[in-house]
Amino acid sequence: MKFYDFLRSVAVGIIWTINGRIHYMGKDNLPDDNYVLVGPHRTWWDPVWYAIAAYPKHFIFMAKIELFRFKPLAWLITKAGAFPVDRHNVGPSVIKTPVNELKSGTRSLVMFPSGSRHSSELKSGALVIAKLAGKQIVPAVYQGPVTFGQLFRRNNTTVAFGKPINIDRKKRLTDEVIADYAQQMQAAFDQLDHDINPDWHYEDPNPKNNQNHS
């Protein structure tokens, strides 16, 4: 855990040097207990921003298995809380690992319900994990640079947290129930975006990839 804190300090120093100070909203909405932090996936570094914003809570997050093939990188991201997911051959560990950590560990989970930076369709994975672990879902949004070049413009960056969403463990996750929770999450994302800046609009920097994730 101390190395996680060290990595967080390094990341904050780099971010402040390159991009400037991060602004936080709604941190009083974060539970003391473990939770599943969900947000729209807007850039490859937003898991870092979310983890920094929600500190001192520590997090785990899913990362594609390809990142673990280079041993030095695998060591680093594992220390940062990542665990591998093979998107072409999804195994039980995708659910078991975060559920066990949420129930018995000290770390929460950062997860993107859309599963991709190039999709807006909310899937059920976060709901399944939260239900099995008996934990709340906390909606969050990131507004800031979405390309590497934009990082150096020192634009304002804000992370906002919404009120937790309780997942009823007695309800089966039918299509109708999943659709209802997805609607709640999307409404929370939209409200948080509006609260930060009602004129802000996310533009996918690689829209061509949408065709591959539809």
C-alpha atoms as a PDB file:
ATOM      1  CA  MET A   1       0.000   0.000   0.000  1.00  0.00           C
ATOM      2  CA  LYS A   2       2.889   2.385   0.685  1.00  0.00           C
ATOM      3  CA  PHE A   3       4.071   1.984  -2.908  1.00  0.00           C
ATOM      4  CA  TYR A   4       0.570   2.876  -4.119  1.00  0.00           C
ATOM      5  CA  ASP A   5       0.798   6.087  -2.074  1.00  0.00           C
ATOM      6  CA  PHE A   6       4.225   6.770  -3.562  1.00  0.00           C
ATOM      7  CA  LEU A   7       2.927   6.274  -7.107  1.00  0.00           C
ATOM      8  CA  ARG A   8       0.015   8.572  -6.350  1.00  0.00           C
ATOM      9  CA  SER A   9       2.390  11.303  -5.156  1.00  0.00           C
ATOM     10  CA  VAL A  10       4.506  10.954  -8.296  1.00  0.00           C
ATOM     11  CA  ALA A  11       1.427  11.076 -10.526  1.00  0.00           C
ATOM     12  CA  VAL A  12       0.113  14.198  -8.768  1.00  0.00           C
ATOM     13  CA  GLY A  13       3.469  15.917  -9.195  1.00  0.00           C
ATOM     14  CA  ILE A  14       3.594  15.124 -12.901  1.00  0.00           C
ATOM     15  CA  ILE A  15      -0.015  16.175 -13.466  1.00  0.00           C
ATOM     16  CA  TRP A  16       0.376  19.481 -11.638  1.00  0.00           C
ATOM     17  CA  THR A  17       3.583  20.229 -13.534  1.00  0.00           C
ATOM     18  CA  ILE A  18       2.113  19.452 -16.960  1.00  0.00           C
ATOM     19  CA  ASN A  19      -1.590  20.128 -16.642  1.00  0.00           C
ATOM     20  CA  GLY A  20      -2.080  22.200 -13.508  1.00  0.00           C
ATOM     21  CA  ARG A  21      -4.236  21.662 -10.459  1.00  0.00           C
ATOM     22  CA  ILE A  22      -7.176  19.233 -10.507  1.00  0.00           C
ATOM     23  CA  HIS A  23     -10.473  20.501  -9.126  1.00  0.00           C
ATOM     24  CA  TYR A  24     -12.747  18.167  -7.174  1.00  0.00           C
ATOM     25  CA  MET A  25     -16.489  18.277  -6.645  1.00  0.00           C
ATOM     26  CA  GLY A  26     -18.711  16.099  -4.471  1.00  0.00           C
ATOM     27  CA  LYS A  27     -16.015  14.283  -2.482  1.00  0.00           C
ATOM     28  CA  ASP A  28     -18.442  14.215   0.446  1.00  0.00           C
ATOM     29  CA  ASN A  29     -20.499  11.725  -1.609  1.00  0.00           C
ATOM     30  CA  LEU A  30     -17.769   9.081  -1.355  1.00  0.00           C
ATOM     31  CA  PRO A  31     -18.655   6.264   1.100  1.00  0.00           C
ATOM     32  CA  ASP A  32     -16.271   5.206   3.847  1.00  0.00           C
ATOM     33  CA  ASP A  33     -16.831   1.580   2.830  1.00  0.00           C
ATOM     34  CA  ASN A  34     -15.565   0.056  -0.419  1.00  0.00           C
ATOM     35  CA  TYR A  35     -17.544   0.926  -3.544  1.00  0.00           C
ATOM     36  CA  VAL A  36     -17.550   0.662  -7.332  1.00  0.00           C
ATOM     37  CA  LEU A  37     -16.591   3.975  -8.909  1.00  0.00           C
ATOM     38  CA  VAL A  38     -18.064   4.257 -12.414  1.00  0.00           C
ATOM     39  CA  GLY A  39     -17.719   6.915 -15.058  1.00  0.00           C
ATOM     40  CA  PRO A  40     -17.764   7.526 -18.803  1.00  0.00           C
ATOM     41  CA  HIS A  41     -14.421   6.442 -20.308  1.00  0.00           C
ATOM     42  CA  ARG A  42     -13.036   9.551 -22.035  1.00  0.00           C
ATOM     43  CA  THR A  43      -9.286   9.045 -22.172  1.00  0.00           C
ATOM     44  CA  TRP A  44      -6.755   6.327 -21.384  1.00  0.00           C
ATOM     45  CA  TRP A  45      -5.574   8.169 -18.255  1.00  0.00           C
ATOM     46  CA  ASP A  46      -8.924   8.874 -16.576  1.00  0.00           C
ATOM     47  CA  PRO A  47      -8.508   5.869 -14.205  1.00  0.00           C
ATOM     48  CA  VAL A  48      -5.481   7.708 -12.783  1.00  0.00           C
ATOM     49  CA  TRP A  49      -7.438  10.949 -12.432  1.00  0.00           C
ATOM     50  CA  TYR A  50     -10.288   9.168 -10.639  1.00  0.00           C
ATOM     51  CA  ALA A  51      -7.928   7.364  -8.273  1.00  0.00           C
ATOM     52  CA  ILE A  52      -6.099  10.596  -7.466  1.00  0.00           C
ATOM     53  CA  ALA A  53      -9.354  12.487  -6.914  1.00  0.00           C
ATOM     54  CA  ALA A  54     -10.842   9.858  -4.564  1.00  0.00           C
ATOM     55  CA  TYR A  55      -7.675   9.496  -2.442  1.00  0.00           C
ATOM     56  CA  PRO A  56      -7.023   8.329   0.316  1.00  0.00           C
ATOM     57  CA  LYS A  57      -9.154   5.395  -0.849  1.00  0.00           C
ATOM     58  CA  HIS A  58      -7.046   2.902  -2.820  1.00  0.00           C
ATOM     59  CA  PHE A  59      -8.353   1.290  -6.007  1.00  0.00           C
ATOM     60  CA  ILE A  60      -8.032  -1.671  -8.314  1.00  0.00           C
ATOM     61  CA  PHE A  61      -8.961  -1.532 -11.983  1.00  0.00           C
ATOM     62  CA  MET A  62      -9.157  -3.791 -15.009  1.00  0.00           C
ATOM     63  CA  ALA A  63      -6.457  -3.547 -17.679  1.00  0.00           C
ATOM     64  CA  LYS A  64      -6.159  -5.394 -20.970  1.00  0.00           C
ATOM     65  CA  ILE A  65      -3.921  -8.435 -20.727  1.00  0.00           C
ATOM     66  CA  GLU A  66      -1.616  -7.153 -23.479  1.00  0.00           C
ATOM     67  CA  LEU A  67      -0.215  -4.573 -21.046  1.00  0.00           C
ATOM     68  CA  PHE A  68       1.078  -7.358 -18.808  1.00  0.00           C
ATOM     69  CA  ARG A  69       3.304  -8.949 -21.440  1.00  0.00           C
ATOM     70  CA  PHE A  70       6.134  -6.463 -20.781  1.00  0.00           C
ATOM     71  CA  LYS A  71       7.338  -7.474 -17.321  1.00  0.00           C
ATOM     72  CA  PRO A  72       8.518  -4.062 -16.048  1.00  0.00           C
ATOM     73  CA  LEU A  73       5.208  -2.490 -17.054  1.00  0.00           C
ATOM     74  CA  ALA A  74       3.273  -5.443 -15.627  1.00  0.00           C
ATOM     75  CA  TRP A  75       5.049  -5.009 -12.287  1.00  0.00           C
ATOM     76  CA  LEU A  76       4.326  -1.269 -12.214  1.00  0.00           C
ATOM     77  CA  ILE A  77       0.639  -1.395 -13.090  1.00  0.00           C
ATOM     78  CA  THR A  78       0.058  -4.349 -10.762  1.00  0.00           C
ATOM     79  CA  LYS A  79       1.496  -2.259  -7.928  1.00  0.00           C
ATOM     80  CA  ALA A  80      -0.840   0.522  -9.020  1.00  0.00           C
ATOM     81  CA  GLY A  81      -3.836  -1.823  -8.630  1.00  0.00           C
ATOM     82  CA  ALA A  82      -4.355  -3.224 -12.133  1.00  0.00           C
ATOM     83  CA  PHE A  83      -5.371  -6.805 -12.803  1.00  0.00           C
ATOM     84  CA  PRO A  84      -5.398  -8.411 -16.273  1.00  0.00           C
ATOM     85  CA  VAL A  85      -8.491  -8.998 -18.406  1.00  0.00           C
ATOM     86  CA  ASP A  86      -8.429 -10.942 -21.662  1.00  0.00           C
ATOM     87  CA  ARG A  87     -11.167  -9.259 -23.656  1.00  0.00           C
ATOM     88  CA  HIS A  88     -11.203 -12.105 -26.188  1.00  0.00           C
ATOM     89  CA  ASN A  89     -11.443 -14.866 -23.579  1.00  0.00           C
ATOM     90  CA  VAL A  90     -13.133 -13.461 -20.505  1.00  0.00           C
ATOM     91  CA  GLY A  91     -12.719 -15.745 -17.499  1.00  0.00           C
ATOM     92  CA  PRO A  92     -14.309 -15.892 -14.028  1.00  0.00           C
ATOM     93  CA  SER A  93     -11.483 -13.818 -12.504  1.00  0.00           C
ATOM     94  CA  VAL A  94     -12.992 -10.727 -14.145  1.00  0.00           C
ATOM     95  CA  ILE A  95     -15.793 -10.957 -11.589  1.00  0.00           C
ATOM     96  CA  LYS A  96     -14.138 -12.939  -8.791  1.00  0.00           C
ATOM     97  CA  THR A  97     -11.084 -10.696  -8.321  1.00  0.00           C
ATOM     98  CA  PRO A  98     -12.941  -7.395  -7.768  1.00  0.00           C
ATOM     99  CA  VAL A  99     -15.778  -8.989  -5.782  1.00  0.00           C
ATOM    100  CA  ASN A 100     -13.313 -10.571  -3.342  1.00  0.00           C
ATOM    101  CA  GLU A 101     -11.393  -7.315  -2.965  1.00  0.00           C
ATOM    102  CA  LEU A 102     -14.540  -5.261  -2.425  1.00  0.00           C
ATOM    103  CA  LYS A 103     -15.903  -7.704   0.167  1.00  0.00           C
ATOM    104  CA  SER A 104     -12.743  -8.623   2.077  1.00  0.00           C
ATOM    105  CA  GLY A 105     -10.038  -6.161   1.051  1.00  0.00           C
ATOM    106  CA  THR A 106      -9.386  -2.473   1.560  1.00  0.00           C
ATOM    107  CA  ARG A 107      -9.532  -1.295  -2.045  1.00  0.00           C
ATOM    108  CA  SER A 108     -12.437  -0.094  -4.160  1.00  0.00           C
ATOM    109  CA  LEU A 109     -12.897  -0.613  -7.894  1.00  0.00           C
ATOM    110  CA  VAL A 110     -12.706   1.866 -10.780  1.00  0.00           C
ATOM    111  CA  MET A 111     -14.769   0.603 -13.706  1.00  0.00           C
ATOM    112  CA  PHE A 112     -16.162   2.001 -16.946  1.00  0.00           C
ATOM    113  CA  PRO A 113     -19.650   0.643 -17.712  1.00  0.00           C
ATOM    114  CA  SER A 114     -19.256   1.350 -21.440  1.00  0.00           C
ATOM    115  CA  GLY A 115     -16.125  -0.823 -21.507  1.00  0.00           C
ATOM    116  CA  SER A 116     -14.522   1.384 -24.155  1.00  0.00           C
ATOM    117  CA  ARG A 117     -13.569   4.994 -24.799  1.00  0.00           C
ATOM    118  CA  HIS A 118     -15.402   4.746 -28.113  1.00  0.00           C
ATOM    119  CA  SER A 119     -18.772   3.519 -26.895  1.00  0.00           C
ATOM    120  CA  SER A 120     -21.575   5.138 -24.912  1.00  0.00           C
ATOM    121  CA  GLU A 121     -23.602   1.965 -24.324  1.00  0.00           C
ATOM    122  CA  LEU A 122     -23.599   1.043 -20.626  1.00  0.00           C
ATOM    123  CA  LYS A 123     -23.087  -2.653 -19.959  1.00  0.00           C
ATOM    124  CA  SER A 124     -23.986  -4.690 -16.862  1.00  0.00           C
ATOM    125  CA  GLY A 125     -20.538  -5.693 -15.530  1.00  0.00           C
ATOM    126  CA  ALA A 126     -20.338  -3.002 -12.849  1.00  0.00           C
ATOM    127  CA  LEU A 127     -23.858  -3.864 -11.664  1.00  0.00           C
ATOM    128  CA  VAL A 128     -23.048  -7.569 -11.376  1.00  0.00           C
ATOM    129  CA  ILE A 129     -19.888  -6.887  -9.368  1.00  0.00           C
ATOM    130  CA  ALA A 130     -21.574  -4.360  -7.073  1.00  0.00           C
ATOM    131  CA  LYS A 131     -24.524  -6.707  -6.471  1.00  0.00           C
ATOM    132  CA  LEU A 132     -22.350  -9.739  -5.668  1.00  0.00           C
ATOM    133  CA  ALA A 133     -20.108  -7.674  -3.383  1.00  0.00           C
ATOM    134  CA  GLY A 134     -23.007  -5.895  -1.724  1.00  0.00           C
ATOM    135  CA  LYS A 135     -21.488  -2.466  -2.392  1.00  0.00           C
ATOM    136  CA  GLN A 136     -22.730   0.844  -3.748  1.00  0.00           C
ATOM    137  CA  ILE A 137     -21.991   2.322  -7.147  1.00  0.00           C
ATOM    138  CA  VAL A 138     -20.629   5.879  -7.164  1.00  0.00           C
ATOM    139  CA  PRO A 139     -21.011   7.815 -10.449  1.00  0.00           C
ATOM    140  CA  ALA A 140     -18.203  10.165 -11.451  1.00  0.00           C
ATOM    141  CA  VAL A 141     -17.200  12.250 -14.454  1.00  0.00           C
ATOM    142  CA  TYR A 142     -13.932  13.678 -15.725  1.00  0.00           C
ATOM    143  CA  GLN A 143     -13.770  16.912 -17.676  1.00  0.00           C
ATOM    144  CA  GLY A 144     -10.352  17.817 -19.004  1.00  0.00           C
ATOM    145  CA  PRO A 145      -7.791  17.005 -21.700  1.00  0.00           C
ATOM    146  CA  VAL A 146      -8.638  13.931 -23.774  1.00  0.00           C
ATOM    147  CA  THR A 147      -5.530  13.876 -25.983  1.00  0.00           C
ATOM    148  CA  PHE A 148      -1.849  13.922 -25.042  1.00  0.00           C
ATOM    149  CA  GLY A 149      -1.318  17.274 -26.727  1.00  0.00           C
ATOM    150  CA  GLN A 150      -4.098  18.892 -24.703  1.00  0.00           C
ATOM    151  CA  LEU A 151      -2.331  18.011 -21.451  1.00  0.00           C
ATOM    152  CA  PHE A 152       0.218  20.761 -22.024  1.00  0.00           C
ATOM    153  CA  ARG A 153      -2.369  23.506 -22.511  1.00  0.00           C
ATOM    154  CA  ARG A 154      -2.938  23.592 -18.752  1.00  0.00           C
ATOM    155  CA  ASN A 155      -6.706  23.571 -19.200  1.00  0.00           C
ATOM    156  CA  ASN A 156      -8.864  23.262 -16.119  1.00  0.00           C
ATOM    157  CA  THR A 157      -9.461  19.646 -15.122  1.00  0.00           C
ATOM    158  CA  THR A 158     -12.352  18.682 -12.870  1.00  0.00           C
ATOM    159  CA  VAL A 159     -13.463  15.360 -11.399  1.00  0.00           C
ATOM    160  CA  ALA A 160     -16.938  15.280  -9.862  1.00  0.00           C
ATOM    161  CA  PHE A 161     -18.577  12.565  -7.761  1.00  0.00           C
ATOM    162  CA  GLY A 162     -22.309  11.963  -7.530  1.00  0.00           C
ATOM    163  CA  LYS A 163     -24.473  10.412  -4.854  1.00  0.00           C
ATOM    164  CA  PRO A 164     -24.085   6.626  -4.446  1.00  0.00           C
ATOM    165  CA  ILE A 165     -26.540   4.303  -6.171  1.00  0.00           C
ATOM    166  CA  ASN A 166     -27.720   1.366  -4.079  1.00  0.00           C
ATOM    167  CA  ILE A 167     -27.983  -1.992  -5.838  1.00  0.00           C
ATOM    168  CA  ASP A 168     -30.792  -4.160  -4.523  1.00  0.00           C
ATOM    169  CA  ARG A 169     -29.254  -7.587  -3.875  1.00  0.00           C
ATOM    170  CA  LYS A 170     -32.706  -9.200  -3.803  1.00  0.00           C
ATOM    171  CA  LYS A 171     -33.531  -8.163  -7.362  1.00  0.00           C
ATOM    172  CA  ARG A 172     -32.525 -10.335 -10.290  1.00  0.00           C
ATOM    173  CA  LEU A 173     -30.602  -8.409 -12.902  1.00  0.00           C
ATOM    174  CA  THR A 174     -33.152  -8.820 -15.654  1.00  0.00           C
ATOM    175  CA  ASP A 175     -32.876  -6.771 -18.832  1.00  0.00           C
ATOM    176  CA  GLU A 176     -35.440  -4.368 -17.430  1.00  0.00           C
ATOM    177  CA  VAL A 177     -33.609  -3.927 -14.116  1.00  0.00           C
ATOM    178  CA  ILE A 178     -30.252  -3.476 -15.883  1.00  0.00           C
ATOM    179  CA  ALA A 179     -31.799  -0.862 -18.172  1.00  0.00           C
ATOM    180  CA  ASP A 180     -33.176   1.005 -15.147  1.00  0.00           C
ATOM    181  CA  TYR A 181     -29.802   1.106 -13.391  1.00  0.00           C
ATOM    182  CA  ALA A 182     -28.080   2.109 -16.639  1.00  0.00           C
ATOM    183  CA  GLN A 183     -30.529   4.976 -16.948  1.00  0.00           C
ATOM    184  CA  GLN A 184     -29.750   6.050 -13.374  1.00  0.00           C
ATOM    185  CA  MET A 185     -26.009   6.026 -14.077  1.00  0.00           C
ATOM    186  CA  GLN A 186     -26.350   7.945 -17.337  1.00  0.00           C
ATOM    187  CA  ALA A 187     -28.602  10.519 -15.683  1.00  0.00           C
ATOM    188  CA  ALA A 188     -25.983  10.946 -12.947  1.00  0.00           C
ATOM    189  CA  PHE A 189     -23.205  11.398 -15.524  1.00  0.00           C
ATOM    190  CA  ASP A 190     -25.250  13.970 -17.412  1.00  0.00           C
ATOM    191  CA  GLN A 191     -26.064  15.903 -14.229  1.00  0.00           C
ATOM    192  CA  LEU A 192     -22.441  15.931 -13.069  1.00  0.00           C
ATOM    193  CA  ASP A 193     -21.274  17.169 -16.473  1.00  0.00           C
ATOM    194  CA  HIS A 194     -23.882  19.923 -16.307  1.00  0.00           C
ATOM    195  CA  ASP A 195     -22.869  20.864 -12.755  1.00  0.00           C
ATOM    196  CA  ILE A 196     -19.232  21.265 -13.805  1.00  0.00           C
ATOM    197  CA  ASN A 197     -19.836  23.078 -17.062  1.00  0.00           C
ATOM    198  CA  PRO A 198     -23.200  23.005 -18.881  1.00  0.00           C
ATOM    199  CA  ASP A 199     -21.487  24.042 -22.131  1.00  0.00           C
ATOM    200  CA  TRP A 200     -18.890  21.258 -22.075  1.00  0.00           C
ATOM    201  CA  HIS A 201     -19.242  18.459 -24.607  1.00  0.00           C
ATOM    202  CA  TYR A 202     -17.091  15.372 -24.962  1.00  0.00           C
ATOM    203  CA  GLU A 203     -15.716  14.741 -28.450  1.00  0.00           C
ATOM    204  CA  ASP A 204     -14.137  11.378 -29.177  1.00  0.00           C
ATOM    205  CA  PRO A 205     -10.611  12.105 -30.483  1.00  0.00           C
ATOM    206  CA  ASN A 206     -10.717   8.862 -32.512  1.00  0.00           C
ATOM    207  CA  PRO A 207     -14.307   8.663 -33.795  1.00  0.00           C
ATOM    208  CA  LYS A 208     -13.390   6.106 -36.460  1.00  0.00           C
ATOM    209  CA  ASN A 209     -12.935   3.561 -33.687  1.00  0.00           C
ATOM    210  CA  ASN A 210     -16.629   3.815 -32.926  1.00  0.00           C
ATOM    211  CA  GLN A 211     -17.258   1.511 -35.857  1.00  0.00           C
ATOM    212  CA  ASN A 212     -15.177  -1.159 -34.164  1.00  0.00           C
ATOM    213  CA  HIS A 213     -17.030  -0.922 -30.865  1.00  0.00           C
ATOM    214  CA  SER A 214     -20.629  -0.667 -31.998  1.00  0.00           C
END
